[in-house]
């Protein structure tokens, strides 16, 4: 059985990891902002499961296997780190300059230009 709570938390964390807004993520996978909000809702009663096609698009966007979205958050994030540089969503998001630089598993703060 798919773990809806893990899915919601994992999508929120993966979006944060890639600095992508829920609105932009919804646009990228082809659902409405309201649909995405229901997928990632904090409250169980407000949450809805995505269609299979949407779940596959989410997994692809973050370069993780589909089952990772429904797994324990630590496992999902570890898998996401492996594919971080190749994640398609990374190319669809404009990251603010001066935030972070990710290189071969190391996260290094960038210095602001003077």
Protein backbone atom coordinates (compact mmCIF):
# COMPACT_ATOMS: atom_id res chain seq x y z
CA UNK A 1 0.00 0.00 0.00
CA UNK A 2 1.33 3.42 -0.94
CA UNK A 3 2.19 5.64 2.01
CA UNK A 4 0.40 8.91 1.37
CA UNK A 5 2.07 10.69 4.31
CA UNK A 6 5.53 9.80 3.01
CA UNK A 7 4.57 10.94 -0.48
CA UNK A 8 3.41 14.34 0.76
CA UNK A 9 6.49 14.87 2.91
CA UNK A 10 8.90 13.61 0.27
CA UNK A 11 7.51 15.86 -2.46
CA UNK A 12 7.69 18.86 -0.11
CA UNK A 13 11.29 18.05 0.84
CA UNK A 14 12.37 17.34 -2.73
CA UNK A 15 10.84 20.60 -3.90
CA UNK A 16 12.72 22.41 -1.13
CA UNK A 17 15.94 20.63 -2.03
CA UNK A 18 15.61 21.95 -5.59
CA UNK A 19 14.33 25.38 -4.53
CA UNK A 20 11.19 24.90 -6.61
CA UNK A 21 7.84 26.34 -5.58
CA UNK A 22 4.77 24.14 -5.46
CA UNK A 23 3.24 26.34 -8.13
CA UNK A 24 6.20 25.79 -10.48
CA UNK A 25 6.28 22.06 -9.68
CA UNK A 26 2.56 21.77 -10.45
CA UNK A 27 3.12 23.53 -13.76
CA UNK A 28 6.07 21.25 -14.57
CA UNK A 29 4.12 18.01 -13.97
CA UNK A 30 0.96 19.33 -15.60
CA UNK A 31 -1.47 19.67 -12.70
CA UNK A 32 -3.22 22.65 -11.14
CA UNK A 33 -1.75 24.45 -8.16
CA UNK A 34 -4.75 23.25 -6.13
CA UNK A 35 -4.11 19.62 -7.11
CA UNK A 36 -0.47 19.92 -6.05
CA UNK A 37 -1.50 21.49 -2.74
CA UNK A 38 -3.76 18.48 -2.09
CA UNK A 39 -0.94 16.05 -2.90
CA UNK A 40 1.44 17.72 -0.42
CA UNK A 41 -1.09 18.80 2.23
CA UNK A 42 0.12 18.49 5.82
CA UNK A 43 -3.26 17.36 7.12
CA UNK A 44 -4.25 13.81 6.18
CA UNK A 45 -7.90 14.74 5.68
CA UNK A 46 -6.95 17.36 3.09
CA UNK A 47 -4.54 15.12 1.18
CA UNK A 48 -5.26 13.30 -2.09
CA UNK A 49 -3.27 10.68 -3.96
CA UNK A 50 -1.95 11.76 -7.35
CA UNK A 51 -2.91 9.91 -10.50
CA UNK A 52 -0.31 7.34 -11.54
CA UNK A 53 0.78 9.57 -14.43
CA UNK A 54 1.34 12.51 -12.06
CA UNK A 55 3.30 10.37 -9.60
CA UNK A 56 5.53 9.15 -12.44
CA UNK A 57 6.12 12.74 -13.59
CA UNK A 58 7.02 13.77 -10.03
CA UNK A 59 9.51 10.91 -9.71
CA UNK A 60 11.02 11.78 -13.08
CA UNK A 61 11.24 15.49 -12.22
CA UNK A 62 13.39 14.70 -9.18
CA UNK A 63 15.29 11.78 -10.81
CA UNK A 64 14.15 9.24 -8.25
CA UNK A 65 12.45 5.86 -8.68
CA UNK A 66 8.68 5.99 -8.25
CA UNK A 67 8.76 3.82 -5.12
CA UNK A 68 11.15 6.33 -3.50
CA UNK A 69 8.35 8.90 -3.34
CA UNK A 70 6.41 6.52 -1.07
CA UNK A 71 9.39 5.39 1.02
CA UNK A 72 10.77 6.73 4.29
CA UNK A 73 11.92 10.34 3.81
CA UNK A 74 15.57 9.56 4.62
CA UNK A 75 15.67 6.86 1.95
CA UNK A 76 13.98 9.13 -0.59
CA UNK A 77 16.38 12.01 0.07
CA UNK A 78 19.42 9.74 -0.18
CA UNK A 79 18.24 8.54 -3.59
CA UNK A 80 17.48 12.12 -4.62
CA UNK A 81 21.00 13.25 -3.74
CA UNK A 82 22.44 10.65 -6.10
CA UNK A 83 20.50 12.08 -9.03
CA UNK A 84 20.46 15.71 -7.93
CA UNK A 85 22.63 17.17 -10.72
CA UNK A 86 20.68 15.31 -13.42
CA UNK A 87 17.19 16.00 -12.04
CA UNK A 88 15.11 17.54 -14.85
CA UNK A 89 13.38 19.94 -12.45
CA UNK A 90 16.76 21.56 -11.76
CA UNK A 91 16.83 22.79 -15.35
CA UNK A 92 13.31 24.18 -15.12
CA UNK A 93 13.94 26.36 -12.08
CA UNK A 94 15.86 29.61 -11.88
CA UNK A 95 17.92 29.43 -8.68
CA UNK A 96 18.75 32.78 -7.08
CA UNK A 97 22.42 33.70 -7.45
CA UNK A 98 24.45 33.48 -4.27
CA UNK A 99 22.46 30.73 -2.56
CA UNK A 100 24.38 27.44 -2.84
CA UNK A 101 26.64 25.52 -5.15
CA UNK A 102 26.32 21.75 -5.29
CA UNK A 103 29.37 19.85 -6.46
CA UNK A 104 30.00 16.13 -6.17
CA UNK A 105 28.00 15.74 -3.00
CA UNK A 106 29.36 18.82 -1.22
CA UNK A 107 27.21 21.84 -0.52
CA UNK A 108 29.21 25.05 -0.39
CA UNK A 109 27.79 28.53 0.30
CA UNK A 110 28.58 30.93 -2.47
CA UNK A 111 30.03 34.33 -1.72
CA UNK A 112 27.98 37.27 -2.80
CA UNK A 113 29.44 39.47 -5.49
CA UNK A 114 30.57 42.85 -4.21
